[in-house]
Amino acid sequence: MLTSHFALMVIYAVQVSLFFAVLWRRRFRDRVRLFLQMMIGMVGGGLVLAWLMYPFPLSPPAPIP
């Protein structure tokens, strides 16, 4: 079972990009271009969002005694 968040994100992006590329474009070249654009957009967007959220803590700060 996959436990890597990045691998799961890439698998999801491949599936969604492939589905919409086949659904929305007729020519092979247009399908490949849309597939790559969507893949780069989803994976790159996820990495940028993770990078922007990195400085924020997961839990509230500890109380001051």
PDB file of N, CA and C in Angstrom:
ATOM      1  N   MET A   1       0.847  -1.185   0.000  1.00  0.00           N
ATOM      2  CA  MET A   1       0.000   0.000   0.000  1.00  0.00           C
ATOM      3  C   MET A   1       0.890   1.245   0.000  1.00  0.00           C
ATOM      4  N   LEU A   2       0.519   2.203  -0.831  1.00  0.00           N
ATOM      5  CA  LEU A   2       1.297   3.442  -0.901  1.00  0.00           C
ATOM      6  C   LEU A   2       1.003   4.332   0.300  1.00  0.00           C
ATOM      7  N   THR A   3       2.056   4.844   0.885  1.00  0.00           N
ATOM      8  CA  THR A   3       1.877   5.745   2.019  1.00  0.00           C
ATOM      9  C   THR A   3       2.500   7.106   1.755  1.00  0.00           C
ATOM     10  N   SER A   4       3.162   7.271   0.630  1.00  0.00           N
ATOM     11  CA  SER A   4       3.798   8.534   0.302  1.00  0.00           C
ATOM     12  C   SER A   4       2.759   9.500  -0.261  1.00  0.00           C
ATOM     13  N   HIS A   5       2.616  10.648   0.372  1.00  0.00           N
ATOM     14  CA  HIS A   5       1.653  11.639  -0.098  1.00  0.00           C
ATOM     15  C   HIS A   5       2.004  12.140  -1.490  1.00  0.00           C
ATOM     16  N   PHE A   6       3.289  12.298  -1.759  1.00  0.00           N
ATOM     17  CA  PHE A   6       3.708  12.788  -3.071  1.00  0.00           C
ATOM     18  C   PHE A   6       3.364  11.778  -4.165  1.00  0.00           C
ATOM     19  N   ALA A   7       3.626  10.506  -3.918  1.00  0.00           N
ATOM     20  CA  ALA A   7       3.312   9.474  -4.914  1.00  0.00           C
ATOM     21  C   ALA A   7       1.809   9.407  -5.170  1.00  0.00           C
ATOM     22  N   LEU A   8       1.020   9.492  -4.124  1.00  0.00           N
ATOM     23  CA  LEU A   8      -0.432   9.478  -4.291  1.00  0.00           C
ATOM     24  C   LEU A   8      -0.907  10.708  -5.066  1.00  0.00           C
ATOM     25  N   MET A   9      -0.303  11.859  -4.820  1.00  0.00           N
ATOM     26  CA  MET A   9      -0.664  13.070  -5.544  1.00  0.00           C
ATOM     27  C   MET A   9      -0.330  12.924  -7.026  1.00  0.00           C
ATOM     28  N   VAL A  10       0.823  12.343  -7.347  1.00  0.00           N
ATOM     29  CA  VAL A  10       1.225  12.160  -8.742  1.00  0.00           C
ATOM     30  C   VAL A  10       0.301  11.155  -9.438  1.00  0.00           C
ATOM     31  N   ILE A  11      -0.049  10.072  -8.768  1.00  0.00           N
ATOM     32  CA  ILE A  11      -0.963   9.089  -9.355  1.00  0.00           C
ATOM     33  C   ILE A  11      -2.325   9.721  -9.634  1.00  0.00           C
ATOM     34  N   TYR A  12      -2.830  10.499  -8.697  1.00  0.00           N
ATOM     35  CA  TYR A  12      -4.108  11.188  -8.888  1.00  0.00           C
ATOM     36  C   TYR A  12      -4.022  12.167 -10.055  1.00  0.00           C
ATOM     37  N   ALA A  13      -2.951  12.928 -10.129  1.00  0.00           N
ATOM     38  CA  ALA A  13      -2.784  13.903 -11.206  1.00  0.00           C
ATOM     39  C   ALA A  13      -2.705  13.214 -12.562  1.00  0.00           C
ATOM     40  N   VAL A  14      -2.033  12.073 -12.645  1.00  0.00           N
ATOM     41  CA  VAL A  14      -1.945  11.325 -13.905  1.00  0.00           C
ATOM     42  C   VAL A  14      -3.330  10.852 -14.334  1.00  0.00           C
ATOM     43  N   GLN A  15      -4.086  10.299 -13.411  1.00  0.00           N
ATOM     44  CA  GLN A  15      -5.406   9.778 -13.751  1.00  0.00           C
ATOM     45  C   GLN A  15      -6.353  10.892 -14.200  1.00  0.00           C
ATOM     46  N   VAL A  16      -6.400  11.972 -13.465  1.00  0.00           N
ATOM     47  CA  VAL A  16      -7.309  13.073 -13.806  1.00  0.00           C
ATOM     48  C   VAL A  16      -6.878  13.733 -15.115  1.00  0.00           C
ATOM     49  N   SER A  17      -5.592  13.953 -15.292  1.00  0.00           N
ATOM     50  CA  SER A  17      -5.096  14.584 -16.515  1.00  0.00           C
ATOM     51  C   SER A  17      -5.375  13.713 -17.730  1.00  0.00           C
ATOM     52  N   LEU A  18      -5.146  12.428 -17.605  1.00  0.00           N
ATOM     53  CA  LEU A  18      -5.407  11.516 -18.712  1.00  0.00           C
ATOM     54  C   LEU A  18      -6.890  11.481 -19.064  1.00  0.00           C
ATOM     55  N   PHE A  19      -7.739  11.428 -18.062  1.00  0.00           N
ATOM     56  CA  PHE A  19      -9.183  11.399 -18.291  1.00  0.00           C
ATOM     57  C   PHE A  19      -9.646  12.641 -19.048  1.00  0.00           C
ATOM     58  N   PHE A  20      -9.262  13.818 -18.570  1.00  0.00           N
ATOM     59  CA  PHE A  20      -9.723  15.039 -19.214  1.00  0.00           C
ATOM     60  C   PHE A  20      -9.063  15.273 -20.572  1.00  0.00           C
ATOM     61  N   ALA A  21      -7.833  14.843 -20.736  1.00  0.00           N
ATOM     62  CA  ALA A  21      -7.181  14.983 -22.041  1.00  0.00           C
ATOM     63  C   ALA A  21      -7.892  14.138 -23.092  1.00  0.00           C
ATOM     64  N   VAL A  22      -8.274  12.923 -22.738  1.00  0.00           N
ATOM     65  CA  VAL A  22      -8.991  12.060 -23.678  1.00  0.00           C
ATOM     66  C   VAL A  22     -10.406  12.582 -23.916  1.00  0.00           C
ATOM     67  N   LEU A  23     -11.027  13.104 -22.883  1.00  0.00           N
ATOM     68  CA  LEU A  23     -12.406  13.570 -22.986  1.00  0.00           C
ATOM     69  C   LEU A  23     -12.521  14.865 -23.793  1.00  0.00           C
ATOM     70  N   TRP A  24     -11.580  15.782 -23.630  1.00  0.00           N
ATOM     71  CA  TRP A  24     -11.730  17.126 -24.183  1.00  0.00           C
ATOM     72  C   TRP A  24     -11.022  17.353 -25.515  1.00  0.00           C
ATOM     73  N   ARG A  25     -10.061  16.534 -25.903  1.00  0.00           N
ATOM     74  CA  ARG A  25      -9.294  16.776 -27.135  1.00  0.00           C
ATOM     75  C   ARG A  25      -9.413  15.594 -28.089  1.00  0.00           C
ATOM     76  N   ARG A  26      -9.399  15.889 -29.381  1.00  0.00           N
ATOM     77  CA  ARG A  26      -9.531  14.841 -30.400  1.00  0.00           C
ATOM     78  C   ARG A  26      -8.181  14.399 -30.960  1.00  0.00           C
ATOM     79  N   ARG A  27      -7.315  15.338 -31.254  1.00  0.00           N
ATOM     80  CA  ARG A  27      -6.020  14.988 -31.843  1.00  0.00           C
ATOM     81  C   ARG A  27      -5.044  14.555 -30.761  1.00  0.00           C
ATOM     82  N   PHE A  28      -4.171  13.606 -31.113  1.00  0.00           N
ATOM     83  CA  PHE A  28      -3.209  13.059 -30.155  1.00  0.00           C
ATOM     84  C   PHE A  28      -2.280  14.139 -29.615  1.00  0.00           C
ATOM     85  N   ARG A  29      -1.800  15.000 -30.498  1.00  0.00           N
ATOM     86  CA  ARG A  29      -0.876  16.056 -30.072  1.00  0.00           C
ATOM     87  C   ARG A  29      -1.540  16.999 -29.061  1.00  0.00           C
ATOM     88  N   ASP A  30      -2.806  17.339 -29.300  1.00  0.00           N
ATOM     89  CA  ASP A  30      -3.538  18.205 -28.366  1.00  0.00           C
ATOM     90  C   ASP A  30      -3.769  17.512 -27.026  1.00  0.00           C
ATOM     91  N   ARG A  31      -3.998  16.193 -27.092  1.00  0.00           N
ATOM     92  CA  ARG A  31      -4.192  15.436 -25.846  1.00  0.00           C
ATOM     93  C   ARG A  31      -2.931  15.419 -24.995  1.00  0.00           C
ATOM     94  N   VAL A  32      -1.804  15.192 -25.660  1.00  0.00           N
ATOM     95  CA  VAL A  32      -0.533  15.162 -24.929  1.00  0.00           C
ATOM     96  C   VAL A  32      -0.242  16.519 -24.314  1.00  0.00           C
ATOM     97  N   ARG A  33      -0.491  17.572 -25.080  1.00  0.00           N
ATOM     98  CA  ARG A  33      -0.223  18.931 -24.582  1.00  0.00           C
ATOM     99  C   ARG A  33      -1.102  19.261 -23.370  1.00  0.00           C
ATOM    100  N   LEU A  34      -2.396  18.949 -23.451  1.00  0.00           N
ATOM    101  CA  LEU A  34      -3.293  19.203 -22.323  1.00  0.00           C
ATOM    102  C   LEU A  34      -2.913  18.342 -21.123  1.00  0.00           C
ATOM    103  N   PHE A  35      -2.564  17.083 -21.386  1.00  0.00           N
ATOM    104  CA  PHE A  35      -2.145  16.188 -20.301  1.00  0.00           C
ATOM    105  C   PHE A  35      -0.949  16.768 -19.542  1.00  0.00           C
ATOM    106  N   LEU A  36       0.059  17.209 -20.285  1.00  0.00           N
ATOM    107  CA  LEU A  36       1.253  17.760 -19.635  1.00  0.00           C
ATOM    108  C   LEU A  36       0.951  19.060 -18.896  1.00  0.00           C
ATOM    109  N   GLN A  37       0.129  19.902 -19.488  1.00  0.00           N
ATOM    110  CA  GLN A  37      -0.230  21.153 -18.825  1.00  0.00           C
ATOM    111  C   GLN A  37      -0.953  20.881 -17.511  1.00  0.00           C
ATOM    112  N   MET A  38      -1.904  19.964 -17.535  1.00  0.00           N
ATOM    113  CA  MET A  38      -2.656  19.661 -16.314  1.00  0.00           C
ATOM    114  C   MET A  38      -1.780  18.970 -15.272  1.00  0.00           C
ATOM    115  N   MET A  39      -0.911  18.051 -15.725  1.00  0.00           N
ATOM    116  CA  MET A  39      -0.008  17.366 -14.798  1.00  0.00           C
ATOM    117  C   MET A  39       0.906  18.362 -14.094  1.00  0.00           C
ATOM    118  N   ILE A  40       1.543  19.212 -14.874  1.00  0.00           N
ATOM    119  CA  ILE A  40       2.457  20.204 -14.298  1.00  0.00           C
ATOM    120  C   ILE A  40       1.698  21.151 -13.383  1.00  0.00           C
ATOM    121  N   GLY A  41       0.502  21.535 -13.793  1.00  0.00           N
ATOM    122  CA  GLY A  41      -0.299  22.436 -12.971  1.00  0.00           C
ATOM    123  C   GLY A  41      -0.699  21.825 -11.638  1.00  0.00           C
ATOM    124  N   MET A  42      -1.139  20.572 -11.653  1.00  0.00           N
ATOM    125  CA  MET A  42      -1.588  19.943 -10.401  1.00  0.00           C
ATOM    126  C   MET A  42      -0.428  19.594  -9.479  1.00  0.00           C
ATOM    127  N   VAL A  43       0.609  18.959 -10.023  1.00  0.00           N
ATOM    128  CA  VAL A  43       1.743  18.577  -9.178  1.00  0.00           C
ATOM    129  C   VAL A  43       2.505  19.826  -8.729  1.00  0.00           C
ATOM    130  N   GLY A  44       2.754  20.741  -9.655  1.00  0.00           N
ATOM    131  CA  GLY A  44       3.448  21.985  -9.296  1.00  0.00           C
ATOM    132  C   GLY A  44       2.651  22.826  -8.319  1.00  0.00           C
ATOM    133  N   GLY A  45       1.337  22.918  -8.551  1.00  0.00           N
ATOM    134  CA  GLY A  45       0.481  23.672  -7.629  1.00  0.00           C
ATOM    135  C   GLY A  45       0.462  23.074  -6.233  1.00  0.00           C
ATOM    136  N   GLY A  46       0.442  21.739  -6.167  1.00  0.00           N
ATOM    137  CA  GLY A  46       0.486  21.076  -4.863  1.00  0.00           C
ATOM    138  C   GLY A  46       1.795  21.325  -4.133  1.00  0.00           C
ATOM    139  N   LEU A  47       2.898  21.308  -4.873  1.00  0.00           N
ATOM    140  CA  LEU A  47       4.203  21.567  -4.247  1.00  0.00           C
ATOM    141  C   LEU A  47       4.329  23.021  -3.794  1.00  0.00           C
ATOM    142  N   VAL A  48       3.829  23.944  -4.617  1.00  0.00           N
ATOM    143  CA  VAL A  48       3.874  25.363  -4.231  1.00  0.00           C
ATOM    144  C   VAL A  48       3.005  25.601  -3.000  1.00  0.00           C
ATOM    145  N   LEU A  49       1.813  25.017  -2.972  1.00  0.00           N
ATOM    146  CA  LEU A  49       0.941  25.178  -1.815  1.00  0.00           C
ATOM    147  C   LEU A  49       1.572  24.579  -0.554  1.00  0.00           C
ATOM    148  N   ALA A  50       2.202  23.419  -0.682  1.00  0.00           N
ATOM    149  CA  ALA A  50       2.886  22.805   0.466  1.00  0.00           C
ATOM    150  C   ALA A  50       4.030  23.693   0.940  1.00  0.00           C
ATOM    151  N   TRP A  51       4.762  24.275   0.003  1.00  0.00           N
ATOM    152  CA  TRP A  51       5.870  25.159   0.362  1.00  0.00           C
ATOM    153  C   TRP A  51       5.353  26.400   1.087  1.00  0.00           C
ATOM    154  N   LEU A  52       4.225  26.942   0.641  1.00  0.00           N
ATOM    155  CA  LEU A  52       3.661  28.126   1.293  1.00  0.00           C
ATOM    156  C   LEU A  52       3.123  27.811   2.693  1.00  0.00           C
ATOM    157  N   MET A  53       2.622  26.590   2.896  1.00  0.00           N
ATOM    158  CA  MET A  53       2.065  26.220   4.195  1.00  0.00           C
ATOM    159  C   MET A  53       3.130  25.727   5.171  1.00  0.00           C
ATOM    160  N   TYR A  54       4.334  25.445   4.697  1.00  0.00           N
ATOM    161  CA  TYR A  54       5.381  24.865   5.533  1.00  0.00           C
ATOM    162  C   TYR A  54       5.707  25.685   6.787  1.00  0.00           C
ATOM    163  N   PRO A  55       5.776  27.029   6.729  1.00  0.00           N
ATOM    164  CA  PRO A  55       6.152  27.773   7.932  1.00  0.00           C
ATOM    165  C   PRO A  55       5.098  27.761   9.043  1.00  0.00           C
ATOM    166  N   PHE A  56       3.862  27.404   8.725  1.00  0.00           N
ATOM    167  CA  PHE A  56       2.808  27.425   9.738  1.00  0.00           C
ATOM    168  C   PHE A  56       2.842  26.147  10.565  1.00  0.00           C
ATOM    169  N   PRO A  57       2.724  26.260  11.870  1.00  0.00           N
ATOM    170  CA  PRO A  57       2.818  25.073  12.736  1.00  0.00           C
ATOM    171  C   PRO A  57       1.574  24.194  12.616  1.00  0.00           C
ATOM    172  N   LEU A  58       1.747  22.909  12.956  1.00  0.00           N
ATOM    173  CA  LEU A  58       0.628  21.975  12.940  1.00  0.00           C
ATOM    174  C   LEU A  58      -0.247  22.099  14.183  1.00  0.00           C
ATOM    175  N   SER A  59       0.350  22.487  15.287  1.00  0.00           N
ATOM    176  CA  SER A  59      -0.394  22.594  16.545  1.00  0.00           C
ATOM    177  C   SER A  59      -0.223  24.004  17.107  1.00  0.00           C
ATOM    178  N   PRO A  60      -1.122  24.383  18.005  1.00  0.00           N
ATOM    179  CA  PRO A  60      -0.987  25.722  18.605  1.00  0.00           C
ATOM    180  C   PRO A  60       0.270  25.798  19.466  1.00  0.00           C
ATOM    181  N   PRO A  61       0.785  26.989  19.638  1.00  0.00           N
ATOM    182  CA  PRO A  61       1.997  27.110  20.472  1.00  0.00           C
ATOM    183  C   PRO A  61       1.727  26.719  21.927  1.00  0.00           C
ATOM    184  N   ALA A  62       2.788  26.299  22.582  1.00  0.00           N
ATOM    185  CA  ALA A  62       2.666  25.908  23.988  1.00  0.00           C
ATOM    186  C   ALA A  62       2.366  27.134  24.839  1.00  0.00           C
ATOM    187  N   PRO A  63       1.570  26.956  25.896  1.00  0.00           N
ATOM    188  CA  PRO A  63       1.259  28.107  26.757  1.00  0.00           C
ATOM    189  C   PRO A  63       2.498  28.585  27.527  1.00  0.00           C
ATOM    190  N   ILE A  64       2.526  29.858  27.782  1.00  0.00           N
ATOM    191  CA  ILE A  64       3.637  30.445  28.542  1.00  0.00           C
ATOM    192  C   ILE A  64       3.338  30.258  30.023  1.00  0.00           C
ATOM    193  N   PRO A  65       4.262  29.638  30.755  1.00  0.00           N
ATOM    194  CA  PRO A  65       3.995  29.395  32.212  1.00  0.00           C
ATOM    195  C   PRO A  65       4.045  30.657  33.026  1.00  0.00           C
TER     196      PRO A  65
END
